[in-house]
Structures are given as C-alpha cells and as structure tokens.
C-alpha atoms as a PDB file:
ATOM      1  CA  MET A   1       5.134 -43.588   8.332  1.00  0.00           C
ATOM      2  CA  ASN A   2       4.627 -40.340  10.274  1.00  0.00           C
ATOM      3  CA  LYS A   3       3.782 -38.420   7.092  1.00  0.00           C
ATOM      4  CA  ILE A   4       1.121 -40.967   6.195  1.00  0.00           C
ATOM      5  CA  LEU A   5      -0.428 -40.689   9.660  1.00  0.00           C
ATOM      6  CA  ASN A   6      -0.420 -36.894   9.438  1.00  0.00           C
ATOM      7  CA  ILE A   7      -2.095 -36.985   6.030  1.00  0.00           C
ATOM      8  CA  LEU A   8      -4.700 -39.468   7.259  1.00  0.00           C
ATOM      9  CA  SER A   9      -5.348 -37.271  10.292  1.00  0.00           C
ATOM     10  CA  LEU A  10      -5.852 -34.182   8.118  1.00  0.00           C
ATOM     11  CA  VAL A  11      -8.103 -35.946   5.628  1.00  0.00           C
ATOM     12  CA  GLY A  12     -10.184 -37.518   8.388  1.00  0.00           C
ATOM     13  CA  SER A  13     -10.608 -34.223  10.200  1.00  0.00           C
ATOM     14  CA  PHE A  14     -11.498 -32.411   6.983  1.00  0.00           C
ATOM     15  CA  MET A  15     -14.082 -35.032   6.018  1.00  0.00           C
ATOM     16  CA  ALA A  16     -15.630 -35.058   9.490  1.00  0.00           C
ATOM     17  CA  VAL A  17     -16.030 -31.262   9.559  1.00  0.00           C
ATOM     18  CA  PHE A  18     -17.307 -31.233   5.982  1.00  0.00           C
ATOM     19  CA  GLY A  19     -19.861 -33.941   6.784  1.00  0.00           C
ATOM     20  CA  VAL A  20     -21.160 -32.124   9.839  1.00  0.00           C
ATOM     21  CA  LEU A  21     -21.486 -28.804   8.000  1.00  0.00           C
ATOM     22  CA  PHE A  22     -23.179 -30.453   5.021  1.00  0.00           C
ATOM     23  CA  LEU A  23     -25.593 -32.338   7.285  1.00  0.00           C
ATOM     24  CA  ILE A  24     -26.523 -29.208   9.231  1.00  0.00           C
ATOM     25  CA  GLN A  25     -27.274 -27.349   6.004  1.00  0.00           C
ATOM     26  CA  ASP A  26     -29.239 -30.266   4.589  1.00  0.00           C
ATOM     27  CA  LEU A  27     -31.380 -30.592   7.713  1.00  0.00           C
ATOM     28  CA  THR A  28     -32.106 -26.867   7.924  1.00  0.00           C
ATOM     29  CA  LEU A  29     -32.097 -25.327   4.440  1.00  0.00           C
ATOM     30  CA  GLY A  30     -32.569 -28.603   2.598  1.00  0.00           C
ATOM     31  CA  SER A  31     -35.985 -29.092   4.111  1.00  0.00           C
ATOM     32  CA  ILE A  32     -37.353 -26.092   2.205  1.00  0.00           C
ATOM     33  CA  ASN A  33     -39.480 -27.652  -0.541  1.00  0.00           C
ATOM     34  CA  ARG A  34     -38.942 -24.979  -3.158  1.00  0.00           C
ATOM     35  CA  PHE A  35     -35.160 -25.063  -2.703  1.00  0.00           C
ATOM     36  CA  SER A  36     -34.869 -28.853  -2.791  1.00  0.00           C
ATOM     37  CA  ARG A  37     -36.864 -29.210  -6.031  1.00  0.00           C
ATOM     38  CA  ILE A  38     -34.459 -27.227  -8.245  1.00  0.00           C
ATOM     39  CA  ILE A  39     -32.485 -29.660 -10.394  1.00  0.00           C
ATOM     40  CA  ILE A  40     -29.543 -28.843 -12.687  1.00  0.00           C
ATOM     41  CA  LEU A  41     -28.937 -30.863 -15.873  1.00  0.00           C
ATOM     42  CA  GLU A  42     -31.722 -33.295 -14.865  1.00  0.00           C
ATOM     43  CA  ILE A  43     -29.249 -35.111 -12.593  1.00  0.00           C
ATOM     44  CA  LEU A  44     -27.974 -32.975  -9.743  1.00  0.00           C
ATOM     45  CA  PRO A  45     -30.107 -31.056  -7.255  1.00  0.00           C
ATOM     46  CA  LEU A  46     -28.960 -27.469  -6.763  1.00  0.00           C
ATOM     47  CA  LYS A  47     -28.850 -27.893  -3.006  1.00  0.00           C
ATOM     48  CA  TYR A  48     -25.902 -30.319  -3.260  1.00  0.00           C
ATOM     49  CA  LEU A  49     -23.848 -27.812  -5.234  1.00  0.00           C
ATOM     50  CA  VAL A  50     -24.692 -24.975  -2.865  1.00  0.00           C
ATOM     51  CA  PHE A  51     -24.084 -27.001   0.317  1.00  0.00           C
ATOM     52  CA  THR A  52     -20.777 -28.377  -0.971  1.00  0.00           C
ATOM     53  CA  THR A  53     -19.547 -24.937  -1.996  1.00  0.00           C
ATOM     54  CA  THR A  54     -20.525 -23.235   1.248  1.00  0.00           C
ATOM     55  CA  SER A  55     -19.065 -26.037   3.371  1.00  0.00           C
ATOM     56  CA  LEU A  56     -15.744 -25.906   1.519  1.00  0.00           C
ATOM     57  CA  LEU A  57     -15.587 -22.113   1.722  1.00  0.00           C
ATOM     58  CA  PHE A  58     -16.358 -22.153   5.444  1.00  0.00           C
ATOM     59  CA  ILE A  59     -13.689 -24.781   6.118  1.00  0.00           C
ATOM     60  CA  LEU A  60     -11.031 -23.011   4.071  1.00  0.00           C
ATOM     61  CA  LYS A  61     -11.777 -19.589   5.562  1.00  0.00           C
ATOM     62  CA  PHE A  62     -12.434 -20.291   9.254  1.00  0.00           C
ATOM     63  CA  ILE A  63     -10.997 -23.672  10.255  1.00  0.00           C
ATOM     64  CA  GLU A  64      -7.336 -24.399  10.768  1.00  0.00           C
ATOM     65  CA  PHE A  65      -6.312 -28.020  11.156  1.00  0.00           C
ATOM     66  CA  TYR A  66      -3.446 -28.975  13.426  1.00  0.00           C
ATOM     67  CA  THR A  67      -1.129 -31.855  12.622  1.00  0.00           C
ATOM     68  CA  PRO A  68       0.628 -33.355  15.607  1.00  0.00           C
ATOM     69  CA  ASN A  69       4.367 -33.832  15.344  1.00  0.00           C
ATOM     70  CA  ARG A  70       4.656 -37.601  15.708  1.00  0.00           C
ATOM     71  CA  ASN A  71       8.082 -38.974  16.607  1.00  0.00           C
END
C-alpha cells in the first residue's frame, strides 16, 4: 500500500507542476496571435507541442520530487 501512495504522490506532484508551467506559458506566450495560429497537420497547434516539451524539460532538469517514507 505504501508503494501505491508514493506513486500517487509522485504522479500528482508531477501533474500539478506540469499544469502550472503549461498554464503560465499559455497565458504569456500563448496570447501572441502569430504564435497561436500556427497549426501542424491541421489538427494540433504548435504552441501545445512547444509548451509540453518545454514544461517536461524544465521539470526533468530542475525539479526533484521527494517521496516520503511511509511506515
């Protein structure tokens, strides 16, 4: 049960940080009209690919998640 709680804690923390970083980028850079109009394969806006990639790279490079040792 402790492993499941640790995994849920890590996934929740990762998703929360990812969401905040993505939202900050979308509210700042995503409001640029020229940048938000570029669409790849007629389905996916370029800004979603860029924001996802930069958020993941930032998390993997600069953020270290701590898992508590639950007994």
